[in-house]
Amino acid sequence: GVVVAEGSIVDGEAQAGRIGGDSTAQLIRRARED
């Protein structure tokens, strides 16, 4: 699994091009649970 963490890191959710603390954590969790 590859998770891309690109851009400034912000709290909460973020669209592609920024790293949202919550949204990026959710992607990592998805990879872990797959």
All heavy atoms as atom14 arrays in JSON, in Angstrom:
{
  "sequence": "GVVVAEGSIVDGEAQAGRIGGDSTAQLIRRARED",
  "atom14_mask": [
    [1, 1, 1, 1, 0, 0, 0, 0, 0, 0, 0, 0, 0, 0],
    [1, 1, 1, 1, 1, 1, 1, 0, 0, 0, 0, 0, 0, 0],
    [1, 1, 1, 1, 1, 1, 1, 0, 0, 0, 0, 0, 0, 0],
    [1, 1, 1, 1, 1, 1, 1, 0, 0, 0, 0, 0, 0, 0],
    [1, 1, 1, 1, 1, 0, 0, 0, 0, 0, 0, 0, 0, 0],
    [1, 1, 1, 1, 1, 1, 1, 1, 1, 0, 0, 0, 0, 0],
    [1, 1, 1, 1, 0, 0, 0, 0, 0, 0, 0, 0, 0, 0],
    [1, 1, 1, 1, 1, 1, 0, 0, 0, 0, 0, 0, 0, 0],
    [1, 1, 1, 1, 1, 1, 1, 1, 0, 0, 0, 0, 0, 0],
    [1, 1, 1, 1, 1, 1, 1, 0, 0, 0, 0, 0, 0, 0],
    [1, 1, 1, 1, 1, 1, 1, 1, 0, 0, 0, 0, 0, 0],
    [1, 1, 1, 1, 0, 0, 0, 0, 0, 0, 0, 0, 0, 0],
    [1, 1, 1, 1, 1, 1, 1, 1, 1, 0, 0, 0, 0, 0],
    [1, 1, 1, 1, 1, 0, 0, 0, 0, 0, 0, 0, 0, 0],
    [1, 1, 1, 1, 1, 1, 1, 1, 1, 0, 0, 0, 0, 0],
    [1, 1, 1, 1, 1, 0, 0, 0, 0, 0, 0, 0, 0, 0],
    [1, 1, 1, 1, 0, 0, 0, 0, 0, 0, 0, 0, 0, 0],
    [1, 1, 1, 1, 1, 1, 1, 1, 1, 1, 1, 0, 0, 0],
    [1, 1, 1, 1, 1, 1, 1, 1, 0, 0, 0, 0, 0, 0],
    [1, 1, 1, 1, 0, 0, 0, 0, 0, 0, 0, 0, 0, 0],
    [1, 1, 1, 1, 0, 0, 0, 0, 0, 0, 0, 0, 0, 0],
    [1, 1, 1, 1, 1, 1, 1, 1, 0, 0, 0, 0, 0, 0],
    [1, 1, 1, 1, 1, 1, 0, 0, 0, 0, 0, 0, 0, 0],
    [1, 1, 1, 1, 1, 1, 1, 0, 0, 0, 0, 0, 0, 0],
    [1, 1, 1, 1, 1, 0, 0, 0, 0, 0, 0, 0, 0, 0],
    [1, 1, 1, 1, 1, 1, 1, 1, 1, 0, 0, 0, 0, 0],
    [1, 1, 1, 1, 1, 1, 1, 1, 0, 0, 0, 0, 0, 0],
    [1, 1, 1, 1, 1, 1, 1, 1, 0, 0, 0, 0, 0, 0],
    [1, 1, 1, 1, 1, 1, 1, 1, 1, 1, 1, 0, 0, 0],
    [1, 1, 1, 1, 1, 1, 1, 1, 1, 1, 1, 0, 0, 0],
    [1, 1, 1, 1, 1, 0, 0, 0, 0, 0, 0, 0, 0, 0],
    [1, 1, 1, 1, 1, 1, 1, 1, 1, 1, 1, 0, 0, 0],
    [1, 1, 1, 1, 1, 1, 1, 1, 1, 0, 0, 0, 0, 0],
    [1, 1, 1, 1, 1, 1, 1, 1, 0, 0, 0, 0, 0, 0]
  ],
  "atom14_positions": [
    [[0.84, -1.2, 0.0], [0.0, 0.0, 0.0], [0.87, 1.25, 0.0], [1.89, 1.3, 0.69], [0.0, 0.0, 0.0], [0.0, 0.0, 0.0], [0.0, 0.0, 0.0], [0.0, 0.0, 0.0], [0.0, 0.0, 0.0], [0.0, 0.0, 0.0], [0.0, 0.0, 0.0], [0.0, 0.0, 0.0], [0.0, 0.0, 0.0], [0.0, 0.0, 0.0]],
    [[0.5, 2.24, -0.79], [1.23, 3.5, -0.84], [0.27, 4.63, -0.48], [-0.8, 4.78, -1.09], [1.82, 3.77, -2.24], [2.55, 5.12, -2.26], [2.76, 2.65, -2.65], [0.0, 0.0, 0.0], [0.0, 0.0, 0.0], [0.0, 0.0, 0.0], [0.0, 0.0, 0.0], [0.0, 0.0, 0.0], [0.0, 0.0, 0.0], [0.0, 0.0, 0.0]],
    [[0.64, 5.39, 0.53], [-0.12, 6.59, 0.91], [0.78, 7.79, 0.61], [1.93, 7.83, 1.04], [-0.52, 6.58, 2.4], [-1.13, 7.93, 2.8], [-1.51, 5.45, 2.67], [0.0, 0.0, 0.0], [0.0, 0.0, 0.0], [0.0, 0.0, 0.0], [0.0, 0.0, 0.0], [0.0, 0.0, 0.0], [0.0, 0.0, 0.0], [0.0, 0.0, 0.0]],
    [[0.25, 8.74, -0.14], [1.01, 9.95, -0.49], [0.69, 11.04, 0.52], [-0.48, 11.35, 0.76], [0.67, 10.43, -1.92], [1.35, 11.76, -2.21], [1.09, 9.38, -2.94], [0.0, 0.0, 0.0], [0.0, 0.0, 0.0], [0.0, 0.0, 0.0], [0.0, 0.0, 0.0], [0.0, 0.0, 0.0], [0.0, 0.0, 0.0], [0.0, 0.0, 0.0]],
    [[1.73, 11.59, 1.13], [1.58, 12.71, 2.07], [2.3, 13.91, 1.46], [3.5, 14.08, 1.64], [2.17, 12.34, 3.42], [0.0, 0.0, 0.0], [0.0, 0.0, 0.0], [0.0, 0.0, 0.0], [0.0, 0.0, 0.0], [0.0, 0.0, 0.0], [0.0, 0.0, 0.0], [0.0, 0.0, 0.0], [0.0, 0.0, 0.0], [0.0, 0.0, 0.0]],
    [[1.55, 14.73, 0.73], [2.15, 15.85, -0.01], [1.47, 17.16, 0.37], [0.25, 17.24, 0.46], [2.02, 15.62, -1.52], [2.67, 16.73, -2.34], [2.79, 16.36, -3.81], [1.79, 15.93, -4.41], [3.9, 16.49, -4.37], [0.0, 0.0, 0.0], [0.0, 0.0, 0.0], [0.0, 0.0, 0.0], [0.0, 0.0, 0.0], [0.0, 0.0, 0.0]],
    [[2.28, 18.19, 0.59], [1.76, 19.52, 0.88], [1.86, 19.87, 2.36], [2.41, 19.11, 3.18], [0.0, 0.0, 0.0], [0.0, 0.0, 0.0], [0.0, 0.0, 0.0], [0.0, 0.0, 0.0], [0.0, 0.0, 0.0], [0.0, 0.0, 0.0], [0.0, 0.0, 0.0], [0.0, 0.0, 0.0], [0.0, 0.0, 0.0], [0.0, 0.0, 0.0]],
    [[1.33, 21.02, 2.71], [1.34, 21.46, 4.1], [0.43, 20.58, 4.95], [-0.58, 20.06, 4.47], [0.88, 22.92, 4.19], [1.83, 23.77, 3.58], [0.0, 0.0, 0.0], [0.0, 0.0, 0.0], [0.0, 0.0, 0.0], [0.0, 0.0, 0.0], [0.0, 0.0, 0.0], [0.0, 0.0, 0.0], [0.0, 0.0, 0.0], [0.0, 0.0, 0.0]],
    [[0.79, 20.45, 6.22], [0.03, 19.6, 7.14], [-0.95, 20.46, 7.92], [-0.55, 21.43, 8.59], [0.98, 18.86, 8.1], [1.99, 18.03, 7.3], [0.2, 17.97, 9.05], [3.07, 17.39, 8.15], [0.0, 0.0, 0.0], [0.0, 0.0, 0.0], [0.0, 0.0, 0.0], [0.0, 0.0, 0.0], [0.0, 0.0, 0.0], [0.0, 0.0, 0.0]],
    [[-2.23, 20.12, 7.85], [-3.27, 20.91, 8.49], [-4.13, 20.01, 9.37], [-4.18, 18.8, 9.19], [-4.15, 21.63, 7.45], [-3.33, 22.6, 6.62], [-4.87, 20.64, 6.54], [0.0, 0.0, 0.0], [0.0, 0.0, 0.0], [0.0, 0.0, 0.0], [0.0, 0.0, 0.0], [0.0, 0.0, 0.0], [0.0, 0.0, 0.0], [0.0, 0.0, 0.0]],
    [[-4.81, 20.62, 10.32], [-5.73, 19.87, 11.18], [-6.96, 19.44, 10.39], [-7.4, 20.13, 9.47], [-6.16, 20.72, 12.37], [-5.01, 21.04, 13.31], [-4.04, 20.26, 13.34], [-5.06, 22.09, 13.99], [0.0, 0.0, 0.0], [0.0, 0.0, 0.0], [0.0, 0.0, 0.0], [0.0, 0.0, 0.0], [0.0, 0.0, 0.0], [0.0, 0.0, 0.0]],
    [[-7.52, 18.29, 10.76], [-8.8, 17.86, 10.18], [-8.65, 17.25, 8.8], [-7.7, 16.53, 8.5], [0.0, 0.0, 0.0], [0.0, 0.0, 0.0], [0.0, 0.0, 0.0], [0.0, 0.0, 0.0], [0.0, 0.0, 0.0], [0.0, 0.0, 0.0], [0.0, 0.0, 0.0], [0.0, 0.0, 0.0], [0.0, 0.0, 0.0], [0.0, 0.0, 0.0]],
    [[-9.61, 17.54, 7.94], [-9.67, 16.97, 6.59], [-8.97, 17.9, 5.6], [-8.92, 19.11, 5.8], [-11.13, 16.79, 6.16], [-11.98, 15.93, 7.1], [-11.8, 14.45, 6.84], [-11.51, 14.08, 5.68], [-11.96, 13.66, 7.8], [0.0, 0.0, 0.0], [0.0, 0.0, 0.0], [0.0, 0.0, 0.0], [0.0, 0.0, 0.0], [0.0, 0.0, 0.0]],
    [[-8.46, 17.32, 4.53], [-7.83, 18.12, 3.48], [-7.95, 17.38, 2.15], [-7.92, 16.14, 2.1], [-6.36, 18.4, 3.79], [0.0, 0.0, 0.0], [0.0, 0.0, 0.0], [0.0, 0.0, 0.0], [0.0, 0.0, 0.0], [0.0, 0.0, 0.0], [0.0, 0.0, 0.0], [0.0, 0.0, 0.0], [0.0, 0.0, 0.0], [0.0, 0.0, 0.0]],
    [[-8.1, 18.15, 1.07], [-8.13, 17.57, -0.27], [-6.72, 17.19, -0.69], [-5.73, 17.55, -0.06], [-8.7, 18.57, -1.27], [-10.2, 18.69, -1.24], [-10.73, 19.46, -2.44], [-10.02, 20.19, -3.11], [-12.01, 19.3, -2.71], [0.0, 0.0, 0.0], [0.0, 0.0, 0.0], [0.0, 0.0, 0.0], [0.0, 0.0, 0.0], [0.0, 0.0, 0.0]],
    [[-6.61, 16.43, -1.79], [-5.32, 16.07, -2.34], [-4.5, 17.33, -2.6], [-5.03, 18.34, -3.07], [-5.5, 15.29, -3.64], [0.0, 0.0, 0.0], [0.0, 0.0, 0.0], [0.0, 0.0, 0.0], [0.0, 0.0, 0.0], [0.0, 0.0, 0.0], [0.0, 0.0, 0.0], [0.0, 0.0, 0.0], [0.0, 0.0, 0.0], [0.0, 0.0, 0.0]],
    [[-3.22, 17.26, -2.29], [-2.36, 18.43, -2.4], [-2.02, 19.02, -1.05], [-1.13, 19.86, -0.93], [0.0, 0.0, 0.0], [0.0, 0.0, 0.0], [0.0, 0.0, 0.0], [0.0, 0.0, 0.0], [0.0, 0.0, 0.0], [0.0, 0.0, 0.0], [0.0, 0.0, 0.0], [0.0, 0.0, 0.0], [0.0, 0.0, 0.0], [0.0, 0.0, 0.0]],
    [[-2.75, 18.59, 0.01], [-2.43, 18.95, 1.39], [-2.63, 17.71, 2.26], [-3.33, 16.77, 1.89], [-3.32, 20.09, 1.9], [-3.06, 21.42, 1.22], [-3.44, 22.59, 2.12], [-4.85, 22.59, 2.47], [-5.39, 23.43, 3.35], [-4.63, 24.32, 3.97], [-6.68, 23.4, 3.62], [0.0, 0.0, 0.0], [0.0, 0.0, 0.0], [0.0, 0.0, 0.0]],
    [[-1.99, 17.73, 3.42], [-2.07, 16.59, 4.33], [-2.99, 16.95, 5.49], [-2.65, 17.77, 6.34], [-0.67, 16.24, 4.88], [0.3, 15.96, 3.73], [-0.74, 15.03, 5.81], [1.75, 15.92, 4.16], [0.0, 0.0, 0.0], [0.0, 0.0, 0.0], [0.0, 0.0, 0.0], [0.0, 0.0, 0.0], [0.0, 0.0, 0.0], [0.0, 0.0, 0.0]],
    [[-4.17, 16.38, 5.51], [-5.08, 16.57, 6.63], [-4.76, 15.55, 7.71], [-4.61, 14.36, 7.42], [0.0, 0.0, 0.0], [0.0, 0.0, 0.0], [0.0, 0.0, 0.0], [0.0, 0.0, 0.0], [0.0, 0.0, 0.0], [0.0, 0.0, 0.0], [0.0, 0.0, 0.0], [0.0, 0.0, 0.0], [0.0, 0.0, 0.0], [0.0, 0.0, 0.0]],
    [[-4.62, 15.99, 8.95], [-4.32, 15.05, 10.02], [-5.32, 13.91, 10.05], [-4.94, 12.73, 10.09], [0.0, 0.0, 0.0], [0.0, 0.0, 0.0], [0.0, 0.0, 0.0], [0.0, 0.0, 0.0], [0.0, 0.0, 0.0], [0.0, 0.0, 0.0], [0.0, 0.0, 0.0], [0.0, 0.0, 0.0], [0.0, 0.0, 0.0], [0.0, 0.0, 0.0]],
    [[-6.6, 14.23, 9.99], [-7.64, 13.21, 10.05], [-7.74, 12.41, 8.75], [-7.82, 11.18, 8.77], [-9.01, 13.86, 10.35], [-9.06, 14.44, 11.75], [-8.16, 14.14, 12.56], [-10.0, 15.22, 12.03], [0.0, 0.0, 0.0], [0.0, 0.0, 0.0], [0.0, 0.0, 0.0], [0.0, 0.0, 0.0], [0.0, 0.0, 0.0], [0.0, 0.0, 0.0]],
    [[-7.75, 13.11, 7.61], [-7.95, 12.41, 6.33], [-6.78, 11.51, 5.98], [-6.98, 10.39, 5.49], [-8.21, 13.42, 5.2], [-7.25, 14.44, 5.2], [0.0, 0.0, 0.0], [0.0, 0.0, 0.0], [0.0, 0.0, 0.0], [0.0, 0.0, 0.0], [0.0, 0.0, 0.0], [0.0, 0.0, 0.0], [0.0, 0.0, 0.0], [0.0, 0.0, 0.0]],
    [[-5.54, 11.95, 6.26], [-4.39, 11.09, 5.98], [-4.35, 9.91, 6.94], [-4.01, 8.78, 6.55], [-3.08, 11.9, 6.05], [-3.16, 12.99, 5.12], [-1.88, 11.05, 5.7], [0.0, 0.0, 0.0], [0.0, 0.0, 0.0], [0.0, 0.0, 0.0], [0.0, 0.0, 0.0], [0.0, 0.0, 0.0], [0.0, 0.0, 0.0], [0.0, 0.0, 0.0]],
    [[-4.7, 10.14, 8.19], [-4.77, 9.04, 9.15], [-5.79, 7.99, 8.71], [-5.57, 6.78, 8.87], [-5.12, 9.58, 10.54], [0.0, 0.0, 0.0], [0.0, 0.0, 0.0], [0.0, 0.0, 0.0], [0.0, 0.0, 0.0], [0.0, 0.0, 0.0], [0.0, 0.0, 0.0], [0.0, 0.0, 0.0], [0.0, 0.0, 0.0], [0.0, 0.0, 0.0]],
    [[-6.89, 8.43, 8.15], [-7.92, 7.5, 7.66], [-7.38, 6.62, 6.52], [-7.68, 5.43, 6.44], [-9.15, 8.27, 7.18], [-9.98, 8.87, 8.31], [-11.0, 9.88, 7.82], [-11.21, 10.03, 6.61], [-11.62, 10.6, 8.74], [0.0, 0.0, 0.0], [0.0, 0.0, 0.0], [0.0, 0.0, 0.0], [0.0, 0.0, 0.0], [0.0, 0.0, 0.0]],
    [[-6.57, 7.23, 5.64], [-5.99, 6.46, 4.54], [-5.02, 5.4, 5.07], [-5.01, 4.26, 4.6], [-5.25, 7.4, 3.57], [-6.1, 8.44, 2.84], [-5.22, 9.32, 1.96], [-7.18, 7.76, 2.01], [0.0, 0.0, 0.0], [0.0, 0.0, 0.0], [0.0, 0.0, 0.0], [0.0, 0.0, 0.0], [0.0, 0.0, 0.0], [0.0, 0.0, 0.0]],
    [[-4.21, 5.77, 6.06], [-3.29, 4.81, 6.66], [-4.06, 3.68, 7.33], [-3.7, 2.5, 7.23], [-2.36, 5.53, 7.66], [-1.48, 6.55, 6.93], [-1.51, 4.53, 8.44], [-0.74, 7.5, 7.85], [0.0, 0.0, 0.0], [0.0, 0.0, 0.0], [0.0, 0.0, 0.0], [0.0, 0.0, 0.0], [0.0, 0.0, 0.0], [0.0, 0.0, 0.0]],
    [[-5.16, 4.05, 8.01], [-5.99, 3.04, 8.68], [-6.59, 2.08, 7.64], [-6.66, 0.87, 7.86], [-7.09, 3.73, 9.47], [-7.78, 2.84, 10.5], [-8.8, 3.63, 11.31], [-8.22, 4.86, 11.82], [-8.72, 6.07, 11.62], [-9.84, 6.22, 10.92], [-8.14, 7.13, 12.13], [0.0, 0.0, 0.0], [0.0, 0.0, 0.0], [0.0, 0.0, 0.0]],
    [[-7.02, 2.62, 6.5], [-7.58, 1.78, 5.44], [-6.55, 0.75, 4.96], [-6.86, -0.41, 4.75], [-8.02, 2.64, 4.26], [-9.52, 2.8, 4.15], [-9.91, 3.74, 3.05], [-9.38, 3.36, 1.75], [-9.33, 4.16, 0.7], [-9.76, 5.4, 0.8], [-8.86, 3.74, -0.45], [0.0, 0.0, 0.0], [0.0, 0.0, 0.0], [0.0, 0.0, 0.0]],
    [[-5.33, 1.22, 4.79], [-4.27, 0.3, 4.35], [-4.01, -0.76, 5.41], [-3.78, -1.94, 5.08], [-3.0, 1.09, 4.05], [0.0, 0.0, 0.0], [0.0, 0.0, 0.0], [0.0, 0.0, 0.0], [0.0, 0.0, 0.0], [0.0, 0.0, 0.0], [0.0, 0.0, 0.0], [0.0, 0.0, 0.0], [0.0, 0.0, 0.0], [0.0, 0.0, 0.0]],
    [[-4.02, -0.36, 6.67], [-3.76, -1.3, 7.76], [-4.85, -2.37, 7.84], [-4.56, -3.55, 8.09], [-3.67, -0.55, 9.08], [-3.34, -1.45, 10.25], [-3.07, -0.67, 11.53], [-4.26, -0.05, 12.09], [-4.46, 1.26, 12.18], [-3.55, 2.1, 11.74], [-5.56, 1.75, 12.72], [0.0, 0.0, 0.0], [0.0, 0.0, 0.0], [0.0, 0.0, 0.0]],
    [[-6.07, -1.99, 7.59], [-7.2, -2.91, 7.73], [-7.44, -3.75, 6.47], [-8.27, -4.65, 6.49], [-8.46, -2.12, 8.09], [-8.37, -1.49, 9.49], [-9.51, -0.53, 9.78], [-10.32, -0.27, 8.85], [-9.6, -0.04, 10.93], [0.0, 0.0, 0.0], [0.0, 0.0, 0.0], [0.0, 0.0, 0.0], [0.0, 0.0, 0.0], [0.0, 0.0, 0.0]],
    [[-6.73, -3.45, 5.39], [-6.85, -4.22, 4.15], [-5.96, -5.45, 4.26], [-4.73, -5.36, 4.34], [-6.41, -3.36, 2.95], [-6.7, -4.03, 1.62], [-6.71, -5.28, 1.57], [-6.9, -3.3, 0.62], [0.0, 0.0, 0.0], [0.0, 0.0, 0.0], [0.0, 0.0, 0.0], [0.0, 0.0, 0.0], [0.0, 0.0, 0.0], [0.0, 0.0, 0.0]]
  ]
}
